[in-house]
Amino acid sequence: MRISVDVLGRAHAFTPEGEREWPFYPSRLFCSAVAAVKQARLGTQAEDALRWLERLPSPQIGCPAAAAPGIVETWVPSNYSRFRRPHEILPWLRNRQLREVGAFSVFGPIDYQWPEVNAWPEALGAVIEHISRIGRSDSLVSASIFPEPVEPNLVPGRGRTSLGVPRPGYLQMLEEAYRRGLRPAPPAIEWYGPPGSAETVGMPAHGEMIVLGQAGGDIVGIEDSLLLTDSLRKGILRVATERGLLIPELHGHEPSSKTGKHHCAFLALPNVGHAHADGFVKGVAVVLPTGIDADARWRIYCTLAQLTAIHCGRKQMTLAPATAIGPATLRAETWIGPSRTWTSVTPILFRRRPSLKFDRAREDLIAAYCLAAGLPEPLDIACQAHPACAGTVDAREYRLARKPDERQGFGFHATIRFARRVRGPIFVGRWRHFGLGLLRPVSSPICR
């Protein structure tokens, strides 16, 4: 199955950083299909076709060349005045203001294909034919669906180009964001590269991040991140139980040695890594284990779409799906890297207090934690009590116990360097599934 998209005129699609988005993210194509279904009111069969489409693996892409982006001047009608004058009712009589937007030309159609798919829902053809724009409303396109594939020049699972892709449950996340008046949730990230290119990025045991930003409530400091992630897990389990969506990947009570599956990790995302970092938590994230099946991913997406608030002690945090143009702290790319050098945001918790006389060095223990997390063996490790990332606090100021009567744990900050580029998110040590030992790529443009 192949979806071919022809750009009619110039394309208007840019990332939140202002860079040209080419090729169009597969998730952007999916969002355009959702908009077409809702605007044309194609019915439940079309929505079922979208749910079928989001369960497919990441597509191969045949991407033509595109010109360098330029600036296009357009004149748009200004807003109505407070006291509307009669002549302002007609749009062509209203005052117009100059607006400069980015645009680029595309030389040929772009193809998204799934070579292993030979049949698709009948309603999907009508959905694709109703797609009229991708990106901005003035980025017009014409889309069609064909059975025969073409030669791709970008394939998933290799390379160093990150593109947003839909995942099972993404449709419900978009509907929930629209119902609550929010911008679309950012998609999952997939790595693309030319066919035959070697994989050069190390992959941990966890990959895809689902980020929820703080929409209101009380301020929570980075030192209470363990308490916050424990409350996040309890809130997710409560919603999943009420909705009948509870699975082992969420509660983690079945050991991975028996099921062969890892369970999700729960992270607190603080505002760190730049000159104006304050160390306050701006949102939370659920990190899915690599290799998770489509049904489990759909259940997790549906659960998070219903989670609106969590309680952290006496504090409450209201949650909403993070947007693609939100703070850099709430973007998955900030924590994914890839990079050779990573530094800790929250301290790496040891399973027990190391003894200088009888135990291995702290660096050796951290190296063992990295291997247990599915990472390559570190090339160099530097331990310190004080953080190297701006906005974080001393390891001794963190709450390193999940229960009030539990003994305070022993943790250290560290900077870890690998021999090759490693993809995140990375969290190592004890209680890493609750956000302790969270690392941030040093090569990130906002991590100094």
Protein backbone atom coordinates (compact mmCIF):
# COMPACT_ATOMS: atom_id res chain seq x y z
CA MET A 1 0.00 0.00 0.00
CA ARG A 2 1.27 3.43 -0.95
CA ILE A 3 -0.13 6.90 -0.20
CA SER A 4 1.10 9.45 -2.72
CA VAL A 5 0.89 13.16 -1.90
CA ASP A 6 1.26 15.89 -4.54
CA VAL A 7 1.98 19.39 -3.28
CA LEU A 8 -0.09 21.97 -5.18
CA GLY A 9 2.05 25.08 -5.20
CA ARG A 10 4.37 25.82 -2.31
CA ALA A 11 4.55 23.87 0.93
CA HIS A 12 4.20 25.54 4.32
CA ALA A 13 5.42 23.08 6.97
CA PHE A 14 8.03 23.98 9.58
CA THR A 15 9.16 22.62 12.94
CA PRO A 16 8.69 24.61 16.18
CA GLU A 17 12.32 25.72 15.82
CA GLY A 18 11.53 27.29 12.43
CA GLU A 19 13.33 24.66 10.35
CA ARG A 20 11.84 23.26 7.16
CA GLU A 21 9.97 20.02 7.75
CA TRP A 22 10.87 17.86 4.79
CA PRO A 23 9.79 15.24 4.23
CA PHE A 24 6.44 15.79 5.87
CA TYR A 25 6.26 13.81 9.06
CA PRO A 26 4.05 10.71 8.73
CA SER A 27 2.26 12.01 11.81
CA ARG A 28 1.43 15.24 9.96
CA LEU A 29 -0.14 13.18 7.16
CA PHE A 30 -2.17 11.30 9.78
CA CYS A 31 -3.34 14.57 11.40
CA SER A 32 -4.44 15.82 7.96
CA ALA A 33 -6.42 12.60 7.49
CA VAL A 34 -8.09 13.11 10.88
CA ALA A 35 -9.02 16.68 9.94
CA ALA A 36 -10.47 15.46 6.64
CA VAL A 37 -12.62 12.85 8.39
CA LYS A 38 -13.96 15.33 10.94
CA GLN A 39 -14.62 18.17 8.50
CA ALA A 40 -16.29 15.97 5.86
CA ARG A 41 -18.14 13.93 8.53
CA LEU A 42 -17.24 10.66 6.87
CA GLY A 43 -18.62 8.61 9.75
CA THR A 44 -17.52 5.75 11.98
CA GLN A 45 -16.16 3.59 9.16
CA ALA A 46 -13.66 6.31 8.30
CA GLU A 47 -12.64 6.60 11.95
CA ASP A 48 -12.15 2.84 12.09
CA ALA A 49 -9.91 3.17 9.02
CA LEU A 50 -7.83 5.76 10.88
CA ARG A 51 -7.47 3.41 13.85
CA TRP A 52 -6.32 0.72 11.44
CA LEU A 53 -3.83 3.14 9.87
CA GLU A 54 -2.30 4.19 13.20
CA ARG A 55 -1.62 0.55 14.08
CA LEU A 56 0.62 0.05 11.05
CA PRO A 57 4.40 0.18 11.50
CA SER A 58 6.36 3.23 10.46
CA PRO A 59 6.17 3.67 6.67
CA GLN A 60 8.94 3.79 4.13
CA ILE A 61 9.22 7.17 2.42
CA GLY A 62 9.99 8.11 -1.15
CA CYS A 63 11.02 11.73 -0.82
CA PRO A 64 11.70 14.01 -3.81
CA ALA A 65 13.98 17.02 -3.75
CA ALA A 66 12.78 20.33 -2.33
CA ALA A 67 14.04 23.87 -2.81
CA ALA A 68 15.50 25.92 -0.01
CA PRO A 69 12.85 27.69 2.09
CA GLY A 70 12.08 31.31 1.38
CA ILE A 71 9.86 34.07 2.73
CA VAL A 72 6.46 34.73 1.18
CA GLU A 73 4.57 37.96 1.86
CA THR A 74 0.82 37.64 2.28
CA TRP A 75 -1.88 40.13 3.25
CA VAL A 76 -4.44 38.87 5.74
CA PRO A 77 -7.62 40.61 6.99
CA SER A 78 -7.17 42.17 10.40
CA ASN A 79 -9.41 41.30 13.33
CA TYR A 80 -12.74 42.98 13.77
CA SER A 81 -12.73 46.17 15.82
CA ARG A 82 -14.42 46.19 19.18
CA PHE A 83 -17.33 48.18 17.79
CA ARG A 84 -17.94 46.63 14.39
CA ARG A 85 -18.55 49.08 11.59
CA PRO A 86 -20.99 48.12 8.82
CA HIS A 87 -18.37 47.97 6.08
CA GLU A 88 -16.27 45.46 8.10
CA ILE A 89 -18.86 42.74 7.56
CA LEU A 90 -17.48 42.18 4.03
CA PRO A 91 -13.97 40.65 4.21
CA TRP A 92 -12.67 42.40 1.09
CA LEU A 93 -13.51 45.81 2.62
CA ARG A 94 -11.63 45.19 5.86
CA ASN A 95 -8.12 46.43 6.54
CA ARG A 96 -5.31 43.98 5.76
CA GLN A 97 -1.98 43.43 7.46
CA LEU A 98 1.28 42.13 6.03
CA ARG A 99 2.44 38.72 7.24
CA GLU A 100 5.64 36.93 6.27
CA VAL A 101 5.53 33.12 6.22
CA GLY A 102 8.06 30.51 5.24
CA ALA A 103 7.49 28.38 2.14
CA PHE A 104 9.41 26.03 -0.14
CA SER A 105 8.82 24.31 -3.46
CA VAL A 106 8.66 20.54 -3.91
CA PHE A 107 9.77 18.77 -7.10
CA GLY A 108 7.51 15.72 -7.32
CA PRO A 109 5.14 13.66 -5.17
CA ILE A 110 6.09 12.24 -1.79
CA ASP A 111 5.18 8.61 -1.12
CA TYR A 112 4.45 6.83 2.16
CA GLN A 113 4.33 3.09 1.70
CA TRP A 114 3.91 -0.17 3.56
CA PRO A 115 5.17 -2.90 1.15
CA GLU A 116 3.86 -5.74 3.35
CA VAL A 117 0.27 -4.38 3.30
CA ASN A 118 -1.74 -5.63 0.31
CA ALA A 119 -5.29 -4.85 1.50
CA TRP A 120 -6.79 -1.94 3.39
CA PRO A 121 -10.24 -0.82 4.62
CA GLU A 122 -12.54 0.40 1.88
CA ALA A 123 -13.20 3.65 3.72
CA LEU A 124 -9.49 4.53 3.76
CA GLY A 125 -9.56 5.46 0.07
CA ALA A 126 -12.24 8.09 0.71
CA VAL A 127 -10.29 9.42 3.69
CA ILE A 128 -7.09 9.87 1.66
CA GLU A 129 -8.94 11.53 -1.23
CA HIS A 130 -10.46 14.10 1.18
CA ILE A 131 -7.03 15.30 2.36
CA SER A 132 -6.65 18.81 0.97
CA ARG A 133 -3.79 20.31 2.97
CA ILE A 134 -0.78 19.33 5.06
CA GLY A 135 0.77 21.78 7.47
CA ARG A 136 -0.74 25.27 7.20
CA SER A 137 -4.18 25.78 5.72
CA ASP A 138 -2.62 27.33 2.59
CA SER A 139 -0.35 24.32 1.98
CA LEU A 140 -2.65 22.56 -0.49
CA VAL A 141 -2.10 18.94 -1.53
CA SER A 142 -3.77 16.15 -3.45
CA ALA A 143 -3.49 12.61 -2.06
CA SER A 144 -4.25 9.18 -3.56
CA ILE A 145 -3.75 5.56 -2.55
CA PHE A 146 -2.12 2.93 -4.77
CA PRO A 147 -1.36 -0.79 -4.37
CA GLU A 148 2.10 -0.86 -5.98
CA PRO A 149 5.18 0.43 -4.06
CA VAL A 150 8.02 2.61 -5.34
CA GLU A 151 11.71 2.70 -4.54
CA PRO A 152 12.10 4.43 -1.14
CA ASN A 153 15.01 6.62 -0.14
CA LEU A 154 14.18 6.73 3.60
CA VAL A 155 13.48 3.63 5.68
CA PRO A 156 12.67 3.45 9.42
CA GLY A 157 14.86 1.92 12.08
CA ARG A 158 18.22 3.30 10.96
CA GLY A 159 20.00 6.55 10.19
CA ARG A 160 20.06 9.84 12.07
CA THR A 161 16.96 11.65 10.79
CA SER A 162 14.15 11.79 13.37
CA LEU A 163 10.57 12.02 12.08
CA GLY A 164 7.27 12.06 13.93
CA VAL A 165 5.07 9.00 13.39
CA PRO A 166 1.60 8.03 14.68
CA ARG A 167 1.14 5.16 17.09
CA PRO A 168 -1.93 3.20 18.27
CA GLY A 169 -4.10 5.49 20.39
CA TYR A 170 -2.87 8.68 18.72
CA LEU A 171 -6.34 9.39 17.29
CA GLN A 172 -7.87 9.41 20.76
CA MET A 173 -5.12 11.71 22.02
CA LEU A 174 -5.89 14.15 19.20
CA GLU A 175 -9.63 14.02 19.93
CA GLU A 176 -9.04 14.58 23.63
CA ALA A 177 -6.76 17.56 22.93
CA TYR A 178 -9.41 19.06 20.63
CA ARG A 179 -12.14 18.54 23.21
CA ARG A 180 -10.08 20.34 25.87
CA GLY A 181 -9.11 23.18 23.52
CA LEU A 182 -5.42 22.24 23.33
CA ARG A 183 -2.95 21.92 20.49
CA PRO A 184 -2.22 18.45 19.10
CA ALA A 185 -0.02 16.20 21.18
CA PRO A 186 3.47 15.63 19.77
CA PRO A 187 3.92 12.31 17.98
CA ALA A 188 6.29 9.47 18.63
CA ILE A 189 9.80 9.71 17.16
CA GLU A 190 11.18 7.26 14.60
CA TRP A 191 14.70 7.29 13.13
CA TYR A 192 15.04 7.24 9.34
CA GLY A 193 17.94 6.82 6.98
CA PRO A 194 18.80 5.69 3.44
CA PRO A 195 18.29 1.99 2.62
CA GLY A 196 21.34 -0.04 3.51
CA SER A 197 22.74 2.47 5.99
CA ALA A 198 24.16 0.93 9.13
CA GLU A 199 22.66 1.51 12.53
CA THR A 200 25.16 3.57 14.53
CA VAL A 201 22.98 4.64 17.47
CA GLY A 202 22.78 2.53 20.63
CA MET A 203 19.22 1.76 21.74
CA PRO A 204 18.16 1.46 25.41
CA ALA A 205 15.40 -0.84 26.68
CA HIS A 206 12.90 2.05 26.57
CA GLY A 207 12.20 4.45 23.73
CA GLU A 208 8.92 6.20 22.94
CA MET A 209 7.91 9.04 25.29
CA ILE A 210 4.34 10.22 25.93
CA VAL A 211 4.60 13.67 27.52
CA LEU A 212 1.97 15.44 29.62
CA GLY A 213 2.59 19.08 30.49
CA GLN A 214 1.50 20.95 33.59
CA ALA A 215 -1.66 22.93 32.83
CA GLY A 216 -2.21 24.28 36.33
CA GLY A 217 -1.91 23.53 40.03
CA ASP A 218 0.99 23.86 42.43
CA ILE A 219 4.71 24.16 41.73
CA VAL A 220 6.75 21.02 42.33
CA GLY A 221 10.53 21.16 42.69
CA ILE A 222 12.96 18.74 41.13
CA GLU A 223 13.92 17.36 44.54
CA ASP A 224 10.40 15.85 44.87
CA SER A 225 10.51 14.10 41.49
CA LEU A 226 10.39 10.60 43.06
CA LEU A 227 7.25 11.48 45.02
CA LEU A 228 5.69 12.95 41.87
CA THR A 229 6.40 9.94 39.66
CA ASP A 230 5.07 7.59 42.31
CA SER A 231 1.84 9.63 42.36
CA LEU A 232 1.79 9.58 38.54
CA ARG A 233 1.94 5.79 38.51
CA LYS A 234 -0.86 5.52 41.07
CA GLY A 235 -3.05 7.91 39.07
CA ILE A 236 -2.45 5.98 35.86
CA LEU A 237 -3.26 2.66 37.52
CA ARG A 238 -6.46 4.13 38.96
CA VAL A 239 -7.65 5.39 35.56
CA ALA A 240 -6.63 2.18 33.80
CA THR A 241 -8.50 0.07 36.36
CA GLU A 242 -11.66 2.17 36.05
CA ARG A 243 -11.57 1.97 32.23
CA GLY A 244 -10.63 -1.70 32.05
CA LEU A 245 -7.29 -0.89 30.40
CA LEU A 246 -4.86 -2.24 33.00
CA ILE A 247 -1.99 -4.27 31.53
CA PRO A 248 1.30 -5.64 32.93
CA GLU A 249 3.29 -3.00 31.04
CA LEU A 250 1.67 -0.40 33.34
CA HIS A 251 1.63 -2.02 36.77
CA GLY A 252 4.89 -3.98 36.30
CA HIS A 253 3.96 -6.67 38.83
CA GLU A 254 4.90 -9.52 36.48
CA PRO A 255 8.71 -9.87 36.25
CA SER A 256 10.18 -9.39 32.79
CA SER A 257 12.09 -12.66 33.14
CA LYS A 258 8.77 -14.55 32.95
CA THR A 259 6.86 -12.44 30.44
CA GLY A 260 9.81 -11.34 28.30
CA LYS A 261 8.49 -7.77 28.45
CA HIS A 262 9.68 -4.63 30.21
CA HIS A 263 7.25 -2.28 31.90
CA CYS A 264 6.81 1.45 31.47
CA ALA A 265 8.89 4.09 33.20
CA PHE A 266 7.51 7.27 34.77
CA LEU A 267 9.55 10.46 34.56
CA ALA A 268 9.34 13.98 35.93
CA LEU A 269 10.60 16.55 33.43
CA PRO A 270 12.22 19.56 35.14
CA ASN A 271 13.25 22.87 33.61
CA VAL A 272 17.03 22.39 33.53
CA GLY A 273 19.97 22.67 31.18
CA HIS A 274 20.05 26.40 30.32
CA ALA A 275 20.97 29.73 31.87
CA HIS A 276 17.42 30.50 33.07
CA ALA A 277 16.64 27.04 34.45
CA ASP A 278 14.69 27.11 37.73
CA GLY A 279 14.52 23.38 38.49
CA PHE A 280 10.73 23.26 38.67
CA VAL A 281 8.93 20.31 37.13
CA LYS A 282 7.09 21.37 33.96
CA GLY A 283 5.50 18.03 33.12
CA VAL A 284 5.68 14.28 33.33
CA ALA A 285 6.26 11.50 30.83
CA VAL A 286 5.52 7.82 30.41
CA VAL A 287 8.25 5.97 28.53
CA LEU A 288 7.19 2.83 26.69
CA PRO A 289 9.48 -0.19 26.46
CA THR A 290 10.88 -0.98 23.04
CA GLY A 291 9.05 -3.74 21.24
CA ILE A 292 5.70 -3.04 22.89
CA ASP A 293 2.79 -4.41 20.85
CA ALA A 294 0.10 -2.27 19.23
CA ASP A 295 -2.70 -3.26 21.61
CA ALA A 296 -0.69 -2.39 24.73
CA ARG A 297 0.34 0.95 23.22
CA TRP A 298 -3.28 1.74 22.38
CA ARG A 299 -4.36 0.99 25.97
CA ILE A 300 -1.67 3.25 27.38
CA TYR A 301 -2.58 6.12 25.04
CA CYS A 302 -6.25 5.79 25.98
CA THR A 303 -5.40 5.77 29.67
CA LEU A 304 -3.27 8.90 29.49
CA ALA A 305 -5.95 10.70 27.47
CA GLN A 306 -8.24 10.38 30.53
CA LEU A 307 -5.66 11.45 33.13
CA THR A 308 -6.23 15.10 34.07
CA ALA A 309 -4.53 15.57 37.45
CA ILE A 310 -2.24 13.91 39.98
CA HIS A 311 -1.58 14.62 43.66
CA CYS A 312 1.93 14.99 45.02
CA GLY A 313 1.55 15.02 48.82
CA ARG A 314 -0.50 18.11 49.56
CA LYS A 315 0.14 19.53 46.12
CA GLN A 316 -1.89 18.94 42.97
CA MET A 317 -0.73 19.13 39.37
CA THR A 318 -3.20 19.47 36.49
CA LEU A 319 -2.05 17.71 33.34
CA ALA A 320 -2.71 18.12 29.62
CA PRO A 321 -1.06 16.60 26.53
CA ALA A 322 2.12 18.49 25.67
CA THR A 323 2.16 20.42 22.41
CA ALA A 324 4.78 20.52 19.68
CA ILE A 325 5.38 24.25 20.23
CA GLY A 326 5.58 24.07 24.01
CA PRO A 327 8.69 24.45 26.18
CA ALA A 328 11.75 22.48 25.14
CA THR A 329 11.56 20.57 28.43
CA LEU A 330 8.29 18.98 27.23
CA ARG A 331 9.64 17.89 23.85
CA ALA A 332 10.81 14.33 23.47
CA GLU A 333 13.74 15.43 21.29
CA THR A 334 15.27 17.18 24.31
CA TRP A 335 15.68 13.89 26.16
CA ILE A 336 16.29 11.55 23.22
CA GLY A 337 19.49 12.95 21.79
CA PRO A 338 21.33 11.02 20.38
CA SER A 339 24.64 11.93 21.97
CA ARG A 340 27.89 10.41 23.16
CA THR A 341 27.94 12.35 26.43
CA TRP A 342 25.08 12.37 28.96
CA THR A 343 24.83 14.08 32.35
CA SER A 344 22.44 13.32 35.20
CA VAL A 345 19.43 15.48 35.96
CA THR A 346 18.31 13.42 38.95
CA PRO A 347 20.88 11.49 41.02
CA ILE A 348 21.72 7.88 40.23
CA LEU A 349 20.51 5.85 43.20
CA PHE A 350 22.69 2.94 44.33
CA ARG A 351 21.09 -0.28 45.54
CA ARG A 352 23.08 0.04 48.75
CA ARG A 353 25.70 2.40 50.13
CA PRO A 354 29.06 1.53 48.54
CA SER A 355 31.94 0.67 50.83
CA LEU A 356 35.29 2.15 49.83
CA LYS A 357 37.16 -0.82 51.33
CA PHE A 358 35.24 -3.88 50.11
CA ASP A 359 33.00 -2.84 47.21
CA ARG A 360 33.64 -1.86 43.64
CA ALA A 361 34.14 1.78 42.76
CA ARG A 362 31.06 3.91 42.11
CA GLU A 363 32.03 4.22 38.45
CA ASP A 364 31.99 0.43 38.07
CA LEU A 365 28.54 0.22 39.65
CA ILE A 366 27.18 2.88 37.30
CA ALA A 367 28.69 1.06 34.33
CA ALA A 368 26.86 -2.10 35.45
CA TYR A 369 23.61 -0.10 35.71
CA CYS A 370 24.10 1.11 32.14
CA LEU A 371 24.50 -2.44 30.86
CA ALA A 372 21.39 -3.51 32.78
CA ALA A 373 19.44 -0.72 31.06
CA GLY A 374 20.37 -2.06 27.63
CA LEU A 375 23.08 0.52 26.93
CA PRO A 376 26.59 -0.07 25.60
CA GLU A 377 29.46 -0.08 28.06
CA PRO A 378 30.48 3.49 28.98
CA LEU A 379 33.85 4.79 27.89
CA ASP A 380 34.27 7.19 30.81
CA ILE A 381 32.26 8.04 33.96
CA ALA A 382 32.77 11.02 36.25
CA CYS A 383 30.90 10.93 39.61
CA GLN A 384 30.19 14.02 41.66
CA ALA A 385 27.78 15.10 44.37
CA HIS A 386 27.17 18.43 42.68
CA PRO A 387 25.27 18.42 39.35
CA ALA A 388 26.85 19.40 36.05
CA CYS A 389 23.50 20.41 34.52
CA ALA A 390 22.17 23.89 35.29
CA GLY A 391 18.96 23.96 37.33
CA THR A 392 19.47 20.69 39.19
CA VAL A 393 20.37 20.53 42.88
CA ASP A 394 22.83 18.61 45.02
CA ALA A 395 22.16 14.88 45.27
CA ARG A 396 21.75 15.15 49.05
CA GLU A 397 18.77 17.49 48.65
CA TYR A 398 16.66 14.94 46.77
CA ARG A 399 14.01 12.80 48.35
CA LEU A 400 15.39 9.31 47.72
CA ALA A 401 12.71 7.29 49.54
CA ARG A 402 9.25 6.43 48.20
CA LYS A 403 7.66 5.93 51.63
CA PRO A 404 7.84 8.19 54.73
CA ASP A 405 9.17 5.39 56.95
CA GLU A 406 11.72 4.24 54.38
CA ARG A 407 15.43 4.93 54.83
CA GLN A 408 16.92 7.65 52.64
CA GLY A 409 18.84 6.17 49.72
CA PHE A 410 22.37 6.96 48.57
CA GLY A 411 22.82 8.66 45.19
CA PHE A 412 25.35 10.57 43.12
CA HIS A 413 25.32 12.72 40.02
CA ALA A 414 27.42 11.55 37.08
CA THR A 415 28.51 12.46 33.58
CA ILE A 416 28.74 9.42 31.29
CA ARG A 417 30.54 9.25 27.95
CA PHE A 418 30.02 6.42 25.44
CA ALA A 419 32.17 5.35 22.52
CA ARG A 420 29.31 5.92 20.06
CA ARG A 421 26.16 7.99 19.93
CA VAL A 422 23.41 6.63 22.16
CA ARG A 423 19.72 7.37 21.85
CA GLY A 424 17.63 8.20 24.90
CA PRO A 425 15.73 8.56 27.03
CA ILE A 426 18.27 7.18 29.48
CA PHE A 427 17.69 6.48 33.16
CA VAL A 428 19.90 4.14 35.18
CA GLY A 429 20.26 2.86 38.73
CA ARG A 430 17.76 1.86 41.36
CA TRP A 431 14.21 3.09 40.85
CA ARG A 432 15.09 4.27 37.39
CA HIS A 433 11.52 3.44 36.36
CA PHE A 434 10.46 6.26 38.70
CA GLY A 435 12.72 8.86 37.14
CA LEU A 436 15.84 8.60 39.28
CA GLY A 437 19.09 8.49 37.34
CA LEU A 438 17.53 10.48 34.48
CA LEU A 439 20.22 11.68 32.05
CA ARG A 440 20.21 14.48 29.53
CA PRO A 441 22.31 14.71 26.35
CA VAL A 442 25.09 17.24 26.68
CA SER A 443 25.04 17.89 22.93
CA SER A 444 21.44 19.16 23.14
CA PRO A 445 21.22 22.79 21.95
CA ILE A 446 19.60 23.85 25.22
CA CYS A 447 21.92 21.89 27.55
CA ARG A 448 24.95 23.91 28.40
